[in-house]
Amino acid sequence: MSSLAVDLSRPLKAAIVDHIAADPGVLEFVPLDRIYAMSPPANPVWPFIRYGSPITGAFEATCWNGSTTRVTIHAFAETKTIYAGEDRALDIAAAIVNAMGSFAPDNLGVIECEWLQTRCIQEDGEADRWHSITEFDVTVIKTV
Protein backbone atom coordinates (compact mmCIF):
# COMPACT_ATOMS: atom_id res chain seq x y z
CA MET A 1 0.00 0.00 0.00
CA SER A 2 1.49 3.33 -1.00
CA SER A 3 1.25 6.42 1.16
CA LEU A 4 0.09 9.76 -0.12
CA ALA A 5 1.49 13.23 0.33
CA VAL A 6 -0.32 15.39 2.88
CA ASP A 7 -1.54 18.94 2.25
CA LEU A 8 -0.09 20.91 5.16
CA SER A 9 -0.84 24.37 3.77
CA ARG A 10 -3.24 25.30 6.58
CA PRO A 11 -1.01 24.39 9.56
CA LEU A 12 1.95 25.88 7.67
CA LYS A 13 0.12 29.19 7.28
CA ALA A 14 -0.68 29.30 11.00
CA ALA A 15 2.89 28.40 11.95
CA ILE A 16 4.41 31.07 9.69
CA VAL A 17 2.05 33.82 10.86
CA ASP A 18 2.75 32.90 14.52
CA HIS A 19 6.50 32.77 13.86
CA ILE A 20 6.64 36.16 12.16
CA ALA A 21 4.39 37.68 14.83
CA ALA A 22 6.81 36.52 17.54
CA ASP A 23 9.96 37.81 15.88
CA PRO A 24 11.48 40.90 17.57
CA GLY A 25 13.03 42.09 14.29
CA VAL A 26 9.66 42.10 12.55
CA LEU A 27 7.96 43.71 15.55
CA GLU A 28 10.40 46.64 15.34
CA PHE A 29 8.56 47.63 12.15
CA VAL A 30 5.03 46.24 12.49
CA PRO A 31 2.99 45.92 15.70
CA LEU A 32 1.73 42.46 16.60
CA ASP A 33 -1.91 43.41 16.05
CA ARG A 34 -1.16 44.27 12.40
CA ILE A 35 0.21 40.89 11.36
CA TYR A 36 -2.55 38.96 9.62
CA ALA A 37 -3.22 35.63 8.00
CA MET A 38 -4.84 35.82 4.55
CA SER A 39 -7.72 38.17 5.47
CA PRO A 40 -6.82 41.48 7.08
CA PRO A 41 -9.69 43.71 8.19
CA ALA A 42 -11.14 46.28 5.83
CA ASN A 43 -8.94 49.38 5.72
CA PRO A 44 -6.15 48.12 8.00
CA VAL A 45 -3.83 50.58 9.68
CA TRP A 46 -0.44 50.80 7.95
CA PRO A 47 2.16 49.35 8.19
CA PHE A 48 0.85 45.79 8.18
CA ILE A 49 1.77 42.28 7.03
CA ARG A 50 -0.48 39.75 5.30
CA TYR A 51 0.13 36.11 4.42
CA GLY A 52 -0.53 35.62 0.70
CA SER A 53 -2.32 32.91 -1.24
CA PRO A 54 -0.20 29.73 -1.03
CA ILE A 55 0.52 27.35 -3.89
CA THR A 56 0.95 23.85 -2.49
CA GLY A 57 2.03 20.57 -4.02
CA ALA A 58 2.94 17.08 -2.89
CA PHE A 59 6.18 16.13 -1.19
CA GLU A 60 7.02 12.46 -0.89
CA ALA A 61 10.29 10.80 0.08
CA THR A 62 11.18 7.53 1.75
CA CYS A 63 9.20 7.46 5.02
CA TRP A 64 8.20 11.13 4.66
CA ASN A 65 4.94 12.62 3.43
CA GLY A 66 4.19 16.29 3.40
CA SER A 67 3.90 19.23 1.08
CA THR A 68 5.92 21.91 -0.64
CA THR A 69 4.39 25.35 -0.58
CA ARG A 70 5.22 28.58 -2.36
CA VAL A 71 4.63 31.08 0.43
CA THR A 72 4.12 34.75 -0.26
CA ILE A 73 4.24 37.32 2.51
CA HIS A 74 3.09 40.86 1.78
CA ALA A 75 4.19 43.94 3.72
CA PHE A 76 2.49 47.30 3.28
CA ALA A 77 4.10 50.57 4.34
CA GLU A 78 3.74 54.27 3.72
CA THR A 79 6.04 57.25 3.86
CA LYS A 80 6.18 58.88 7.28
CA THR A 81 8.25 62.01 7.79
CA ILE A 82 11.66 61.24 6.27
CA TYR A 83 11.31 57.40 6.31
CA ALA A 84 10.36 56.63 2.71
CA GLY A 85 7.58 54.10 2.21
CA GLU A 86 9.62 51.96 -0.17
CA ASP A 87 12.49 51.82 2.32
CA ARG A 88 10.11 50.86 5.13
CA ALA A 89 8.49 48.14 2.97
CA LEU A 90 11.91 46.73 2.07
CA ASP A 91 13.08 46.87 5.69
CA ILE A 92 9.99 44.89 6.73
CA ALA A 93 10.68 42.37 3.96
CA ALA A 94 14.29 41.99 5.13
CA ALA A 95 13.07 41.41 8.70
CA ILE A 96 10.68 38.72 7.42
CA VAL A 97 13.50 37.00 5.50
CA ASN A 98 15.66 37.10 8.62
CA ALA A 99 12.83 35.70 10.78
CA MET A 100 12.16 32.85 8.38
CA GLY A 101 15.80 31.80 8.70
CA SER A 102 14.93 30.32 12.10
CA PHE A 103 11.53 28.86 11.15
CA ALA A 104 11.13 25.56 13.04
CA PRO A 105 7.56 25.02 14.28
CA ASP A 106 6.84 22.33 16.87
CA ASN A 107 4.13 20.57 14.86
CA LEU A 108 5.87 20.45 11.47
CA GLY A 109 9.23 19.16 10.34
CA VAL A 110 10.91 21.69 8.06
CA ILE A 111 12.74 19.96 5.21
CA GLU A 112 13.47 23.22 3.40
CA CYS A 113 12.74 26.91 3.89
CA GLU A 114 14.31 28.84 1.05
CA TRP A 115 13.91 32.55 0.40
CA LEU A 116 13.33 33.03 -3.33
CA GLN A 117 12.88 36.74 -3.92
CA THR A 118 11.55 40.08 -2.77
CA ARG A 119 10.10 42.80 -4.89
CA CYS A 120 8.70 46.19 -3.94
CA ILE A 121 5.95 47.97 -5.84
CA GLN A 122 3.97 51.13 -5.45
CA GLU A 123 0.56 50.37 -3.95
CA ASP A 124 -2.45 51.36 -6.07
CA GLY A 125 -0.60 54.26 -7.69
CA GLU A 126 -0.30 56.11 -4.38
CA ALA A 127 3.02 57.98 -4.26
CA ASP A 128 3.53 57.37 -0.54
CA ARG A 129 2.26 53.77 -0.23
CA TRP A 130 4.43 50.73 -0.97
CA HIS A 131 4.03 46.98 -0.96
CA SER A 132 6.82 44.42 -0.65
CA ILE A 133 6.20 40.85 -1.80
CA THR A 134 8.53 38.22 -0.37
CA GLU A 135 8.42 34.62 -1.57
CA PHE A 136 9.70 31.39 -0.05
CA ASP A 137 9.63 27.70 -0.96
CA VAL A 138 8.81 25.77 2.20
CA THR A 139 8.70 21.97 2.38
CA VAL A 140 7.30 20.44 5.56
CA ILE A 141 6.25 17.08 6.94
CA LYS A 142 3.86 16.37 9.78
CA THR A 143 5.70 15.44 12.99
CA VAL A 144 2.86 15.13 15.51
C-alpha atoms as a PDB file:
ATOM      1  CA  MET A   1       0.000   0.000   0.000  1.00  0.00           C
ATOM      2  CA  SER A   2       1.489   3.326  -1.000  1.00  0.00           C
ATOM      3  CA  SER A   3       1.253   6.417   1.158  1.00  0.00           C
ATOM      4  CA  LEU A   4       0.095   9.764  -0.123  1.00  0.00           C
ATOM      5  CA  ALA A   5       1.487  13.230   0.332  1.00  0.00           C
ATOM      6  CA  VAL A   6      -0.320  15.388   2.876  1.00  0.00           C
ATOM      7  CA  ASP A   7      -1.542  18.939   2.252  1.00  0.00           C
ATOM      8  CA  LEU A   8      -0.092  20.910   5.156  1.00  0.00           C
ATOM      9  CA  SER A   9      -0.842  24.372   3.772  1.00  0.00           C
ATOM     10  CA  ARG A  10      -3.240  25.303   6.581  1.00  0.00           C
ATOM     11  CA  PRO A  11      -1.008  24.391   9.560  1.00  0.00           C
ATOM     12  CA  LEU A  12       1.952  25.877   7.672  1.00  0.00           C
ATOM     13  CA  LYS A  13       0.119  29.186   7.281  1.00  0.00           C
ATOM     14  CA  ALA A  14      -0.681  29.304  11.000  1.00  0.00           C
ATOM     15  CA  ALA A  15       2.895  28.396  11.952  1.00  0.00           C
ATOM     16  CA  ILE A  16       4.406  31.074   9.690  1.00  0.00           C
ATOM     17  CA  VAL A  17       2.054  33.822  10.864  1.00  0.00           C
ATOM     18  CA  ASP A  18       2.754  32.904  14.516  1.00  0.00           C
ATOM     19  CA  HIS A  19       6.505  32.770  13.862  1.00  0.00           C
ATOM     20  CA  ILE A  20       6.637  36.159  12.164  1.00  0.00           C
ATOM     21  CA  ALA A  21       4.391  37.684  14.832  1.00  0.00           C
ATOM     22  CA  ALA A  22       6.807  36.517  17.545  1.00  0.00           C
ATOM     23  CA  ASP A  23       9.961  37.806  15.880  1.00  0.00           C
ATOM     24  CA  PRO A  24      11.481  40.901  17.566  1.00  0.00           C
ATOM     25  CA  GLY A  25      13.031  42.092  14.290  1.00  0.00           C
ATOM     26  CA  VAL A  26       9.661  42.102  12.547  1.00  0.00           C
ATOM     27  CA  LEU A  27       7.961  43.705  15.550  1.00  0.00           C
ATOM     28  CA  GLU A  28      10.398  46.636  15.339  1.00  0.00           C
ATOM     29  CA  PHE A  29       8.562  47.627  12.153  1.00  0.00           C
ATOM     30  CA  VAL A  30       5.033  46.240  12.487  1.00  0.00           C
ATOM     31  CA  PRO A  31       2.992  45.924  15.704  1.00  0.00           C
ATOM     32  CA  LEU A  32       1.732  42.459  16.604  1.00  0.00           C
ATOM     33  CA  ASP A  33      -1.913  43.409  16.050  1.00  0.00           C
ATOM     34  CA  ARG A  34      -1.157  44.274  12.403  1.00  0.00           C
ATOM     35  CA  ILE A  35       0.214  40.886  11.359  1.00  0.00           C
ATOM     36  CA  TYR A  36      -2.554  38.960   9.623  1.00  0.00           C
ATOM     37  CA  ALA A  37      -3.217  35.630   7.997  1.00  0.00           C
ATOM     38  CA  MET A  38      -4.837  35.821   4.550  1.00  0.00           C
ATOM     39  CA  SER A  39      -7.715  38.168   5.475  1.00  0.00           C
ATOM     40  CA  PRO A  40      -6.819  41.478   7.077  1.00  0.00           C
ATOM     41  CA  PRO A  41      -9.693  43.709   8.194  1.00  0.00           C
ATOM     42  CA  ALA A  42     -11.137  46.278   5.825  1.00  0.00           C
ATOM     43  CA  ASN A  43      -8.937  49.384   5.721  1.00  0.00           C
ATOM     44  CA  PRO A  44      -6.154  48.120   7.998  1.00  0.00           C
ATOM     45  CA  VAL A  45      -3.826  50.582   9.677  1.00  0.00           C
ATOM     46  CA  TRP A  46      -0.435  50.796   7.950  1.00  0.00           C
ATOM     47  CA  PRO A  47       2.163  49.354   8.188  1.00  0.00           C
ATOM     48  CA  PHE A  48       0.850  45.787   8.180  1.00  0.00           C
ATOM     49  CA  ILE A  49       1.773  42.279   7.027  1.00  0.00           C
ATOM     50  CA  ARG A  50      -0.482  39.753   5.301  1.00  0.00           C
ATOM     51  CA  TYR A  51       0.126  36.107   4.420  1.00  0.00           C
ATOM     52  CA  GLY A  52      -0.534  35.624   0.702  1.00  0.00           C
ATOM     53  CA  SER A  53      -2.316  32.910  -1.239  1.00  0.00           C
ATOM     54  CA  PRO A  54      -0.204  29.732  -1.032  1.00  0.00           C
ATOM     55  CA  ILE A  55       0.519  27.355  -3.890  1.00  0.00           C
ATOM     56  CA  THR A  56       0.947  23.854  -2.485  1.00  0.00           C
ATOM     57  CA  GLY A  57       2.032  20.571  -4.021  1.00  0.00           C
ATOM     58  CA  ALA A  58       2.937  17.083  -2.890  1.00  0.00           C
ATOM     59  CA  PHE A  59       6.183  16.126  -1.185  1.00  0.00           C
ATOM     60  CA  GLU A  60       7.024  12.458  -0.891  1.00  0.00           C
ATOM     61  CA  ALA A  61      10.287  10.798   0.076  1.00  0.00           C
ATOM     62  CA  THR A  62      11.177   7.526   1.749  1.00  0.00           C
ATOM     63  CA  CYS A  63       9.204   7.465   5.016  1.00  0.00           C
ATOM     64  CA  TRP A  64       8.197  11.127   4.659  1.00  0.00           C
ATOM     65  CA  ASN A  65       4.943  12.617   3.427  1.00  0.00           C
ATOM     66  CA  GLY A  66       4.187  16.287   3.400  1.00  0.00           C
ATOM     67  CA  SER A  67       3.901  19.235   1.079  1.00  0.00           C
ATOM     68  CA  THR A  68       5.922  21.908  -0.637  1.00  0.00           C
ATOM     69  CA  THR A  69       4.389  25.354  -0.576  1.00  0.00           C
ATOM     70  CA  ARG A  70       5.221  28.578  -2.365  1.00  0.00           C
ATOM     71  CA  VAL A  71       4.633  31.075   0.426  1.00  0.00           C
ATOM     72  CA  THR A  72       4.123  34.754  -0.264  1.00  0.00           C
ATOM     73  CA  ILE A  73       4.235  37.320   2.513  1.00  0.00           C
ATOM     74  CA  HIS A  74       3.094  40.856   1.784  1.00  0.00           C
ATOM     75  CA  ALA A  75       4.186  43.938   3.724  1.00  0.00           C
ATOM     76  CA  PHE A  76       2.489  47.296   3.280  1.00  0.00           C
ATOM     77  CA  ALA A  77       4.097  50.565   4.344  1.00  0.00           C
ATOM     78  CA  GLU A  78       3.736  54.274   3.716  1.00  0.00           C
ATOM     79  CA  THR A  79       6.042  57.251   3.858  1.00  0.00           C
ATOM     80  CA  LYS A  80       6.178  58.877   7.275  1.00  0.00           C
ATOM     81  CA  THR A  81       8.249  62.010   7.787  1.00  0.00           C
ATOM     82  CA  ILE A  82      11.663  61.235   6.271  1.00  0.00           C
ATOM     83  CA  TYR A  83      11.307  57.402   6.306  1.00  0.00           C
ATOM     84  CA  ALA A  84      10.359  56.632   2.706  1.00  0.00           C
ATOM     85  CA  GLY A  85       7.576  54.098   2.209  1.00  0.00           C
ATOM     86  CA  GLU A  86       9.616  51.956  -0.174  1.00  0.00           C
ATOM     87  CA  ASP A  87      12.491  51.823   2.323  1.00  0.00           C
ATOM     88  CA  ARG A  88      10.110  50.859   5.131  1.00  0.00           C
ATOM     89  CA  ALA A  89       8.487  48.136   2.970  1.00  0.00           C
ATOM     90  CA  LEU A  90      11.913  46.728   2.066  1.00  0.00           C
ATOM     91  CA  ASP A  91      13.081  46.865   5.694  1.00  0.00           C
ATOM     92  CA  ILE A  92       9.991  44.891   6.735  1.00  0.00           C
ATOM     93  CA  ALA A  93      10.678  42.366   3.961  1.00  0.00           C
ATOM     94  CA  ALA A  94      14.295  41.994   5.130  1.00  0.00           C
ATOM     95  CA  ALA A  95      13.074  41.406   8.701  1.00  0.00           C
ATOM     96  CA  ILE A  96      10.679  38.720   7.418  1.00  0.00           C
ATOM     97  CA  VAL A  97      13.497  36.999   5.503  1.00  0.00           C
ATOM     98  CA  ASN A  98      15.664  37.096   8.618  1.00  0.00           C
ATOM     99  CA  ALA A  99      12.833  35.701  10.776  1.00  0.00           C
ATOM    100  CA  MET A 100      12.163  32.846   8.382  1.00  0.00           C
ATOM    101  CA  GLY A 101      15.803  31.804   8.697  1.00  0.00           C
ATOM    102  CA  SER A 102      14.926  30.317  12.096  1.00  0.00           C
ATOM    103  CA  PHE A 103      11.529  28.856  11.149  1.00  0.00           C
ATOM    104  CA  ALA A 104      11.135  25.562  13.043  1.00  0.00           C
ATOM    105  CA  PRO A 105       7.558  25.022  14.282  1.00  0.00           C
ATOM    106  CA  ASP A 106       6.843  22.333  16.871  1.00  0.00           C
ATOM    107  CA  ASN A 107       4.130  20.573  14.860  1.00  0.00           C
ATOM    108  CA  LEU A 108       5.872  20.446  11.467  1.00  0.00           C
ATOM    109  CA  GLY A 109       9.233  19.159  10.335  1.00  0.00           C
ATOM    110  CA  VAL A 110      10.906  21.689   8.063  1.00  0.00           C
ATOM    111  CA  ILE A 111      12.743  19.961   5.215  1.00  0.00           C
ATOM    112  CA  GLU A 112      13.470  23.217   3.405  1.00  0.00           C
ATOM    113  CA  CYS A 113      12.738  26.906   3.890  1.00  0.00           C
ATOM    114  CA  GLU A 114      14.311  28.839   1.051  1.00  0.00           C
ATOM    115  CA  TRP A 115      13.906  32.553   0.399  1.00  0.00           C
ATOM    116  CA  LEU A 116      13.332  33.029  -3.331  1.00  0.00           C
ATOM    117  CA  GLN A 117      12.881  36.740  -3.922  1.00  0.00           C
ATOM    118  CA  THR A 118      11.547  40.075  -2.766  1.00  0.00           C
ATOM    119  CA  ARG A 119      10.095  42.801  -4.888  1.00  0.00           C
ATOM    120  CA  CYS A 120       8.700  46.190  -3.938  1.00  0.00           C
ATOM    121  CA  ILE A 121       5.948  47.971  -5.839  1.00  0.00           C
ATOM    122  CA  GLN A 122       3.969  51.133  -5.452  1.00  0.00           C
ATOM    123  CA  GLU A 123       0.560  50.374  -3.951  1.00  0.00           C
ATOM    124  CA  ASP A 124      -2.450  51.362  -6.067  1.00  0.00           C
ATOM    125  CA  GLY A 125      -0.602  54.264  -7.692  1.00  0.00           C
ATOM    126  CA  GLU A 126      -0.300  56.111  -4.384  1.00  0.00           C
ATOM    127  CA  ALA A 127       3.017  57.981  -4.261  1.00  0.00           C
ATOM    128  CA  ASP A 128       3.533  57.372  -0.538  1.00  0.00           C
ATOM    129  CA  ARG A 129       2.265  53.769  -0.226  1.00  0.00           C
ATOM    130  CA  TRP A 130       4.431  50.731  -0.965  1.00  0.00           C
ATOM    131  CA  HIS A 131       4.027  46.975  -0.964  1.00  0.00           C
ATOM    132  CA  SER A 132       6.818  44.420  -0.648  1.00  0.00           C
ATOM    133  CA  ILE A 133       6.204  40.854  -1.798  1.00  0.00           C
ATOM    134  CA  THR A 134       8.526  38.217  -0.365  1.00  0.00           C
ATOM    135  CA  GLU A 135       8.423  34.620  -1.572  1.00  0.00           C
ATOM    136  CA  PHE A 136       9.698  31.385  -0.051  1.00  0.00           C
ATOM    137  CA  ASP A 137       9.626  27.704  -0.956  1.00  0.00           C
ATOM    138  CA  VAL A 138       8.814  25.766   2.202  1.00  0.00           C
ATOM    139  CA  THR A 139       8.702  21.970   2.380  1.00  0.00           C
ATOM    140  CA  VAL A 140       7.298  20.443   5.558  1.00  0.00           C
ATOM    141  CA  ILE A 141       6.247  17.080   6.939  1.00  0.00           C
ATOM    142  CA  LYS A 142       3.861  16.367   9.779  1.00  0.00           C
ATOM    143  CA  THR A 143       5.696  15.439  12.990  1.00  0.00           C
ATOM    144  CA  VAL A 144       2.862  15.135  15.506  1.00  0.00           C
END
